[in-house]
């Protein structure tokens, strides 16, 4: 066995230790020379190490990539973030779990010790301009590649540190791709396109990780190119494929406790930016009042997402958020009835993320409280509000999609 092959085998046998030692020495080199940490500079620094003298180019480049990740990237989590199939990465202490769309599975990743994980969390947070230490033991951040990070340190994290990373897809799915992946049944796709074309206001609801943002990204890509989309988000996650999109992102307070910019403030600012479509990435507080007010003042076609495990939970969820914004129950229902028309419910199951139902939000009873009436339900076909949605589409000059213009009764919109 040659020296080069022995070195390569040593790298594969003890990657964490080798890369850790090299990273420490290379880090010292960069600190002493104040050199920018670029991939090329890391390769040069690795080659300058005596231990790398007997390594071939392939091994050196692979090691340099890992050292670079350890210095400025996601360290041992870098390969997982680069995996297009991975949607979520969860680190509990030194154990790593990933979701590739089929549920969480534990994977063997050499993240090092608990102290190594803590340093990784702090470096990622610091790179995104967030403080993470004993005085501020948790942080939300958005990494340079769009990945969303949440980190919690001990002792708040009882067996931590804990890291939660939600990866960012550079190119949103098209509606056809969602059909191919089974997220949206093929006969239902034209109905979603018709809802967007008719400028009906809608909410995408569902549990955590159910695909709300994925579906909203796709639907915003169907907005005509002549319209301007203004996004308001707590953390920038929406990247619709559209020629005219502007975004506003909330900001937390600084260490002095000042400088915070909330979603409600941003919704009011967005109204001054001539939006054709106003979108709130996630309604989680009193900003829902400002969104409803905006949708009731001529801004048709707006959208947002909402955490709700079932469509029937949405009215109560909106009531709770309305109270946070100072809107009484009766006023909230009146605003919702006038501002929002459609509810799209996402669900995450064993087979992946799927569109579970399409419903209308309709006032009912003497108190005119908003109720959720199904238009279409996965596994059951068309519901009671199918005809009502067809009327809304026709009133706005949008042709009926086939699923509404024929007697479709099959489970997924197939003809009886």
Protein backbone atom coordinates (compact mmCIF):
# COMPACT_ATOMS: atom_id res chain seq x y z
CA UNK A 1 0.00 0.00 0.00
CA UNK A 2 1.42 3.42 -0.99
CA UNK A 3 1.76 6.39 1.36
CA UNK A 4 -0.97 8.18 -0.61
CA UNK A 5 -3.45 5.29 -0.29
CA UNK A 6 -2.65 4.92 3.41
CA UNK A 7 -3.35 8.63 3.90
CA UNK A 8 -6.59 8.40 1.96
CA UNK A 9 -7.64 5.40 4.02
CA UNK A 10 -6.72 7.27 7.20
CA UNK A 11 -8.97 10.14 6.07
CA UNK A 12 -11.92 7.84 5.47
CA UNK A 13 -11.33 5.89 8.71
CA UNK A 14 -11.09 8.92 10.99
CA UNK A 15 -12.63 11.86 9.11
CA UNK A 16 -13.80 13.83 12.11
CA UNK A 17 -10.45 13.72 13.90
CA UNK A 18 -8.39 14.46 10.78
CA UNK A 19 -10.59 17.31 9.62
CA UNK A 20 -10.85 18.66 13.15
CA UNK A 21 -7.06 18.81 13.52
CA UNK A 22 -6.62 20.35 10.08
CA UNK A 23 -9.41 22.85 10.71
CA UNK A 24 -7.81 24.00 13.93
CA UNK A 25 -4.44 24.56 12.25
CA UNK A 26 -5.94 26.20 9.16
CA UNK A 27 -8.13 28.40 11.35
CA UNK A 28 -5.05 29.58 13.22
CA UNK A 29 -3.34 30.29 9.91
CA UNK A 30 -6.25 32.43 8.65
CA UNK A 31 -6.52 34.25 11.97
CA UNK A 32 -2.82 35.08 11.97
CA UNK A 33 -2.78 36.25 8.35
CA UNK A 34 -6.25 37.90 8.27
CA UNK A 35 -6.85 36.21 4.91
CA UNK A 36 -10.38 35.91 3.49
CA UNK A 37 -11.67 32.35 3.87
CA UNK A 38 -12.29 31.45 0.23
CA UNK A 39 -12.37 27.89 -1.14
CA UNK A 40 -9.14 28.51 -3.09
CA UNK A 41 -7.41 29.90 -0.01
CA UNK A 42 -8.49 26.88 2.03
CA UNK A 43 -7.09 24.50 -0.61
CA UNK A 44 -3.76 26.35 -0.49
CA UNK A 45 -3.74 26.26 3.31
CA UNK A 46 -4.48 22.53 3.39
CA UNK A 47 -1.73 21.82 0.84
CA UNK A 48 0.69 23.76 3.03
CA UNK A 49 0.11 21.37 5.93
CA UNK A 50 2.80 18.68 6.27
CA UNK A 51 0.15 15.98 6.73
CA UNK A 52 -1.21 16.76 3.26
CA UNK A 53 2.10 16.32 1.46
CA UNK A 54 1.46 12.66 0.66
CA UNK A 55 -2.18 13.11 -0.32
CA UNK A 56 -3.41 13.11 -3.89
CA UNK A 57 -5.34 15.98 -5.45
CA UNK A 58 -8.72 14.28 -5.04
CA UNK A 59 -8.17 13.65 -1.34
CA UNK A 60 -6.83 17.17 -0.76
CA UNK A 61 -9.80 18.78 -2.51
CA UNK A 62 -12.25 16.63 -0.57
CA UNK A 63 -10.52 17.48 2.67
CA UNK A 64 -10.40 21.19 1.75
CA UNK A 65 -14.14 21.17 1.12
CA UNK A 66 -14.73 19.72 4.56
CA UNK A 67 -12.33 22.13 6.22
CA UNK A 68 -14.02 25.05 4.44
CA UNK A 69 -17.40 23.82 5.69
CA UNK A 70 -15.97 23.57 9.17
CA UNK A 71 -14.66 27.13 9.00
CA UNK A 72 -17.48 29.06 7.35
CA UNK A 73 -20.11 26.56 6.27
CA UNK A 74 -22.30 24.09 8.11
CA UNK A 75 -19.42 21.83 9.09
CA UNK A 76 -20.33 18.13 9.04
CA UNK A 77 -23.91 19.08 8.18
CA UNK A 78 -22.76 20.59 4.87
CA UNK A 79 -23.28 17.44 2.77
CA UNK A 80 -26.83 17.10 4.11
CA UNK A 81 -27.64 20.70 3.21
CA UNK A 82 -26.28 20.04 -0.27
CA UNK A 83 -28.57 17.01 -0.69
CA UNK A 84 -31.53 18.16 -2.79
CA UNK A 85 -33.74 15.48 -1.21
CA UNK A 86 -33.26 16.73 2.36
CA UNK A 87 -35.89 19.15 3.66
CA UNK A 88 -35.12 19.18 7.40
CA UNK A 89 -32.06 18.51 9.54
CA UNK A 90 -32.46 18.15 13.31
CA UNK A 91 -29.55 17.86 15.72
CA UNK A 92 -30.20 16.69 19.28
CA UNK A 93 -26.90 16.93 21.10
CA UNK A 94 -24.68 14.78 18.90
CA UNK A 95 -27.47 12.82 17.18
CA UNK A 96 -28.66 13.88 13.74
CA UNK A 97 -32.03 13.28 12.10
CA UNK A 98 -33.03 14.15 8.53
CA UNK A 99 -36.24 14.25 6.56
CA UNK A 100 -36.12 13.49 2.86
CA UNK A 101 -39.86 13.82 2.45
CA UNK A 102 -40.69 10.43 3.95
CA UNK A 103 -40.39 11.21 7.65
CA UNK A 104 -37.52 11.67 10.07
CA UNK A 105 -34.70 9.15 10.06
CA UNK A 106 -31.58 9.11 12.20
CA UNK A 107 -28.34 9.25 10.23
CA UNK A 108 -24.71 8.74 11.19
CA UNK A 109 -22.99 12.11 10.90
CA UNK A 110 -19.69 12.80 12.73
CA UNK A 111 -20.67 16.10 14.36
CA UNK A 112 -18.05 15.72 17.09
CA UNK A 113 -18.70 16.49 20.74
CA UNK A 114 -21.48 18.52 22.33
CA UNK A 115 -19.03 21.43 22.52
CA UNK A 116 -18.38 21.11 18.78
CA UNK A 117 -22.12 21.27 18.09
CA UNK A 118 -22.42 24.32 20.34
CA UNK A 119 -19.62 26.10 18.45
CA UNK A 120 -21.25 25.18 15.13
CA UNK A 121 -24.59 26.60 16.27
CA UNK A 122 -22.97 29.82 17.49
CA UNK A 123 -20.98 30.24 14.28
CA UNK A 124 -24.03 29.73 12.08
CA UNK A 125 -26.05 32.17 14.16
CA UNK A 126 -23.26 34.76 14.19
CA UNK A 127 -22.87 34.48 10.43
CA UNK A 128 -26.54 35.44 10.12
CA UNK A 129 -26.16 38.36 12.51
CA UNK A 130 -27.80 36.64 15.50
CA UNK A 131 -26.53 36.39 19.04
CA UNK A 132 -26.39 32.91 20.60
CA UNK A 133 -24.76 32.47 24.01
CA UNK A 134 -25.61 31.84 27.66
CA UNK A 135 -27.30 35.23 27.91
CA UNK A 136 -29.35 34.63 24.75
CA UNK A 137 -29.69 30.83 24.59
CA UNK A 138 -31.91 30.55 21.52
CA UNK A 139 -31.92 32.15 18.10
CA UNK A 140 -33.76 32.16 14.79
CA UNK A 141 -31.69 32.93 11.72
CA UNK A 142 -31.66 32.66 7.96
CA UNK A 143 -28.38 31.44 6.49
CA UNK A 144 -26.82 32.84 3.34
CA UNK A 145 -28.20 30.00 1.20
CA UNK A 146 -31.74 30.57 2.49
CA UNK A 147 -31.69 27.75 5.04
CA UNK A 148 -33.71 28.58 8.13
CA UNK A 149 -31.95 27.90 11.44
CA UNK A 150 -33.33 27.60 14.95
CA UNK A 151 -30.85 26.83 17.72
CA UNK A 152 -31.20 26.35 21.49
CA UNK A 153 -28.32 26.02 23.95
CA UNK A 154 -28.17 24.32 27.37
CA UNK A 155 -29.41 24.59 30.04
CA UNK A 156 -32.60 25.64 28.22
CA UNK A 157 -31.97 22.67 25.93
CA UNK A 158 -31.91 19.92 28.54
CA UNK A 159 -29.92 17.47 26.41
CA UNK A 160 -28.72 19.90 23.78
CA UNK A 161 -27.60 21.87 21.98
CA UNK A 162 -30.53 21.55 19.58
CA UNK A 163 -30.38 22.68 15.96
CA UNK A 164 -33.30 22.70 13.54
CA UNK A 165 -32.53 23.53 9.92
CA UNK A 166 -35.17 23.85 7.21
CA UNK A 167 -33.48 23.74 3.83
CA UNK A 168 -34.26 26.17 1.07
CA UNK A 169 -35.13 25.04 -2.44
CA UNK A 170 -33.52 27.45 -4.89
CA UNK A 171 -36.20 26.92 -7.53
CA UNK A 172 -39.82 26.48 -6.43
CA UNK A 173 -41.82 23.60 -7.80
CA UNK A 174 -44.08 24.26 -10.75
CA UNK A 175 -47.69 23.16 -10.52
CA UNK A 176 -46.94 20.35 -12.97
CA UNK A 177 -44.11 19.15 -10.73
CA UNK A 178 -46.41 19.11 -7.70
CA UNK A 179 -48.77 16.96 -9.75
CA UNK A 180 -45.94 14.60 -10.71
CA UNK A 181 -44.87 14.30 -7.07
CA UNK A 182 -48.42 13.46 -6.01
CA UNK A 183 -48.85 16.60 -3.91
CA UNK A 184 -51.73 17.85 -6.06
CA UNK A 185 -54.06 15.48 -7.98
CA UNK A 186 -53.96 16.18 -11.70
CA UNK A 187 -57.68 17.10 -12.05
CA UNK A 188 -57.36 19.56 -9.13
CA UNK A 189 -54.42 21.53 -10.58
CA UNK A 190 -56.58 23.57 -13.03
CA UNK A 191 -58.85 24.48 -10.12
CA UNK A 192 -55.91 25.94 -8.19
CA UNK A 193 -54.85 27.89 -11.28
CA UNK A 194 -58.41 29.22 -11.66
CA UNK A 195 -58.44 30.41 -8.02
CA UNK A 196 -55.29 32.44 -8.68
CA UNK A 197 -56.57 33.77 -12.02
CA UNK A 198 -59.84 34.89 -10.40
CA UNK A 199 -57.89 36.87 -7.78
CA UNK A 200 -59.65 35.08 -4.94
CA UNK A 201 -57.93 35.63 -1.59
CA UNK A 202 -56.78 32.40 0.02
CA UNK A 203 -55.00 30.93 3.01
CA UNK A 204 -52.80 27.84 2.90
CA UNK A 205 -53.12 26.07 6.24
CA UNK A 206 -51.57 22.95 7.70
CA UNK A 207 -49.30 21.61 10.39
CA UNK A 208 -45.57 22.16 10.71
CA UNK A 209 -43.67 20.87 7.68
CA UNK A 210 -46.84 20.06 5.75
CA UNK A 211 -45.79 21.98 2.63
CA UNK A 212 -47.64 25.27 3.10
CA UNK A 213 -44.77 27.42 1.85
CA UNK A 214 -44.10 25.03 -1.03
CA UNK A 215 -47.67 25.30 -2.32
CA UNK A 216 -47.82 29.07 -1.80
CA UNK A 217 -44.55 29.52 -3.71
CA UNK A 218 -45.98 27.54 -6.60
CA UNK A 219 -49.29 29.41 -6.72
CA UNK A 220 -47.58 32.81 -6.62
CA UNK A 221 -45.67 31.73 -9.69
CA UNK A 222 -49.03 31.59 -11.52
CA UNK A 223 -49.74 35.29 -10.93
CA UNK A 224 -49.71 37.23 -14.23
CA UNK A 225 -46.39 38.92 -15.00
CA UNK A 226 -48.14 42.30 -15.21
CA UNK A 227 -48.89 42.23 -11.47
CA UNK A 228 -46.66 43.23 -8.55
CA UNK A 229 -46.34 40.87 -5.58
CA UNK A 230 -45.34 42.27 -2.19
CA UNK A 231 -44.24 39.68 0.36
CA UNK A 232 -44.27 40.26 4.11
CA UNK A 233 -42.46 37.60 6.11
CA UNK A 234 -41.04 36.91 9.53
CA UNK A 235 -38.18 35.03 7.85
CA UNK A 236 -37.72 35.27 4.09
CA UNK A 237 -38.70 31.88 2.70
CA UNK A 238 -40.90 32.67 -0.28
CA UNK A 239 -39.08 32.90 -3.62
CA UNK A 240 -41.77 32.66 -6.30
CA UNK A 241 -40.71 32.50 -9.93
CA UNK A 242 -42.17 35.84 -10.99
CA UNK A 243 -40.67 38.92 -12.66
CA UNK A 244 -41.98 41.48 -10.15
CA UNK A 245 -41.63 40.43 -6.51
CA UNK A 246 -40.50 42.60 -3.61
CA UNK A 247 -40.12 41.39 -0.05
CA UNK A 248 -40.19 42.86 3.44
CA UNK A 249 -38.72 40.91 6.35
CA UNK A 250 -39.38 41.43 10.05
CA UNK A 251 -36.49 42.24 12.36
CA UNK A 252 -35.96 41.36 15.99
CA UNK A 253 -34.70 43.88 18.54
CA UNK A 254 -30.98 44.37 19.09
CA UNK A 255 -29.10 43.67 22.32
CA UNK A 256 -30.34 47.00 23.69
CA UNK A 257 -33.93 45.91 23.09
CA UNK A 258 -34.67 48.39 20.31
CA UNK A 259 -34.96 48.35 16.55
CA UNK A 260 -37.61 45.63 16.24
CA UNK A 261 -39.82 45.74 13.14
CA UNK A 262 -42.93 43.56 13.35
CA UNK A 263 -45.13 42.01 10.68
CA UNK A 264 -48.03 44.34 11.45
CA UNK A 265 -45.79 47.34 10.73
CA UNK A 266 -44.61 45.76 7.50
CA UNK A 267 -48.14 45.03 6.30
CA UNK A 268 -48.95 48.72 6.69
CA UNK A 269 -45.79 49.66 4.81
CA UNK A 270 -46.60 47.17 2.06
CA UNK A 271 -49.90 48.92 1.40
CA UNK A 272 -47.93 52.02 0.35
CA UNK A 273 -45.95 50.00 -2.20
CA UNK A 274 -48.76 49.56 -4.75
CA UNK A 275 -49.21 45.81 -4.31
CA UNK A 276 -51.37 43.92 -6.78
CA UNK A 277 -51.03 40.89 -4.52
CA UNK A 278 -50.24 41.27 -0.82
CA UNK A 279 -48.87 38.10 0.76
CA UNK A 280 -48.09 37.44 4.43
CA UNK A 281 -45.78 34.45 4.63
CA UNK A 282 -47.21 33.23 7.92
CA UNK A 283 -50.02 34.73 10.00
CA UNK A 284 -49.05 34.09 13.59
CA UNK A 285 -50.07 37.25 15.46
CA UNK A 286 -51.98 40.50 15.39
CA UNK A 287 -50.79 41.23 11.85
CA UNK A 288 -53.78 39.19 10.65
CA UNK A 289 -55.93 42.23 11.47
CA UNK A 290 -53.87 44.45 9.17
CA UNK A 291 -53.91 41.80 6.44
CA UNK A 292 -57.71 41.50 6.60
CA UNK A 293 -58.05 45.28 6.53
CA UNK A 294 -55.82 45.41 3.45
CA UNK A 295 -57.77 42.68 1.65
CA UNK A 296 -60.97 44.57 2.42
CA UNK A 297 -59.71 47.76 0.78
CA UNK A 298 -59.43 46.60 -2.81
CA UNK A 299 -56.35 44.36 -2.65
CA UNK A 300 -57.83 41.22 -4.19
CA UNK A 301 -55.90 38.02 -4.63
CA UNK A 302 -53.90 38.25 -1.43
CA UNK A 303 -52.63 35.16 0.34
CA UNK A 304 -50.92 33.83 3.42
CA UNK A 305 -50.21 30.70 5.43
CA UNK A 306 -51.60 29.65 8.79
CA UNK A 307 -50.79 26.88 11.25
CA UNK A 308 -53.89 24.71 11.65
CA UNK A 309 -54.07 20.93 11.82
CA UNK A 310 -57.53 20.74 10.24
CA UNK A 311 -59.75 23.09 8.19
CA UNK A 312 -62.29 23.17 11.02
CA UNK A 313 -59.60 24.66 13.30
CA UNK A 314 -59.06 27.71 11.10
CA UNK A 315 -61.93 29.96 12.34
CA UNK A 316 -60.88 29.50 15.97
CA UNK A 317 -57.25 30.08 15.04
CA UNK A 318 -58.15 33.32 13.27
CA UNK A 319 -60.24 34.39 16.27
CA UNK A 320 -57.24 33.93 18.57
CA UNK A 321 -54.96 35.91 16.26
CA UNK A 322 -57.60 38.62 15.87
CA UNK A 323 -57.76 39.07 19.63
CA UNK A 324 -53.99 39.61 19.67
CA UNK A 325 -54.60 42.48 17.24
CA UNK A 326 -57.48 43.89 19.28
CA UNK A 327 -60.26 42.72 16.95
CA UNK A 328 -63.37 41.31 18.69
CA UNK A 329 -64.82 38.00 17.59
CA UNK A 330 -67.80 39.37 15.68
CA UNK A 331 -65.68 41.95 13.87
CA UNK A 332 -63.09 39.31 13.01
CA UNK A 333 -65.68 37.05 11.40
CA UNK A 334 -67.12 39.98 9.45
CA UNK A 335 -63.66 40.88 8.16
CA UNK A 336 -62.82 37.28 7.23
CA UNK A 337 -66.13 36.80 5.41
CA UNK A 338 -65.48 39.90 3.34
CA UNK A 339 -61.74 39.43 2.76
CA UNK A 340 -61.00 35.72 2.37
CA UNK A 341 -62.68 33.24 0.09
CA UNK A 342 -60.63 30.05 -0.14
CA UNK A 343 -58.82 27.74 2.28
CA UNK A 344 -56.24 25.23 1.03
CA UNK A 345 -55.37 22.57 3.60
CA UNK A 346 -52.04 20.75 3.43
CA UNK A 347 -51.24 17.52 5.25
CA UNK A 348 -48.08 15.60 5.86
CA UNK A 349 -48.51 11.84 5.81
CA UNK A 350 -46.46 8.71 5.28
CA UNK A 351 -46.51 9.25 1.53
CA UNK A 352 -45.29 12.84 1.80
CA UNK A 353 -46.87 16.29 1.71
CA UNK A 354 -50.23 16.49 -0.02
CA UNK A 355 -53.05 18.92 -0.66
CA UNK A 356 -55.77 17.53 1.60
CA UNK A 357 -58.71 19.77 0.75
CA UNK A 358 -60.00 22.96 -0.85
CA UNK A 359 -62.74 24.82 1.03
CA UNK A 360 -64.68 28.07 0.99
CA UNK A 361 -64.91 30.36 4.01
CA UNK A 362 -68.60 31.25 4.20
CA UNK A 363 -70.65 33.13 6.83
CA UNK A 364 -73.43 31.10 8.43
CA UNK A 365 -76.13 31.40 11.06
CA UNK A 366 -77.69 34.44 12.69
CA UNK A 367 -74.31 35.65 13.98
CA UNK A 368 -72.78 35.29 10.49
CA UNK A 369 -69.83 33.33 11.84
CA UNK A 370 -67.41 32.02 9.24
CA UNK A 371 -67.58 28.29 8.60
CA UNK A 372 -65.41 26.06 6.44
CA UNK A 373 -67.37 24.37 3.65
CA UNK A 374 -65.51 21.81 1.51
CA UNK A 375 -65.17 22.24 -2.24
CA UNK A 376 -62.98 19.18 -2.71
CA UNK A 377 -61.55 16.64 -0.26
CA UNK A 378 -58.83 14.11 -1.05
CA UNK A 379 -60.31 10.65 -1.11
CA UNK A 380 -63.90 11.93 -1.30
CA UNK A 381 -64.06 14.20 -4.34
CA UNK A 382 -66.26 17.29 -4.67
CA UNK A 383 -68.01 18.73 -1.64
CA UNK A 384 -70.98 20.96 -0.93
CA UNK A 385 -69.28 24.22 -1.95
CA UNK A 386 -68.20 23.12 -5.42
CA UNK A 387 -71.08 24.93 -7.10
CA UNK A 388 -70.50 28.06 -4.98
CA UNK A 389 -66.85 28.24 -6.02
CA UNK A 390 -67.90 27.83 -9.64
CA UNK A 391 -70.19 30.84 -9.29
CA UNK A 392 -67.34 32.91 -7.81
CA UNK A 393 -65.06 32.01 -10.70
CA UNK A 394 -67.69 32.84 -13.33
CA UNK A 395 -68.48 36.16 -11.66
CA UNK A 396 -64.83 37.09 -12.09
CA UNK A 397 -64.70 36.02 -15.71
CA UNK A 398 -62.68 32.84 -15.22
CA UNK A 399 -63.81 29.74 -17.15
CA UNK A 400 -64.79 26.77 -15.03
CA UNK A 401 -62.09 24.10 -14.80
CA UNK A 402 -63.23 20.62 -15.88
CA UNK A 403 -63.56 19.40 -12.29
CA UNK A 404 -66.36 21.96 -11.72
CA UNK A 405 -67.98 21.90 -15.15
CA UNK A 406 -68.72 18.14 -15.20
CA UNK A 407 -70.31 15.79 -12.65
CA UNK A 408 -67.07 14.66 -11.09
CA UNK A 409 -67.58 12.48 -8.05
CA UNK A 410 -64.51 10.26 -7.93
CA UNK A 411 -62.08 10.29 -5.03
CA UNK A 412 -59.52 12.50 -6.76
CA UNK A 413 -61.75 14.30 -9.23
CA UNK A 414 -62.12 11.41 -11.65
CA UNK A 415 -65.43 11.04 -13.45
CA UNK A 416 -68.10 8.84 -11.95
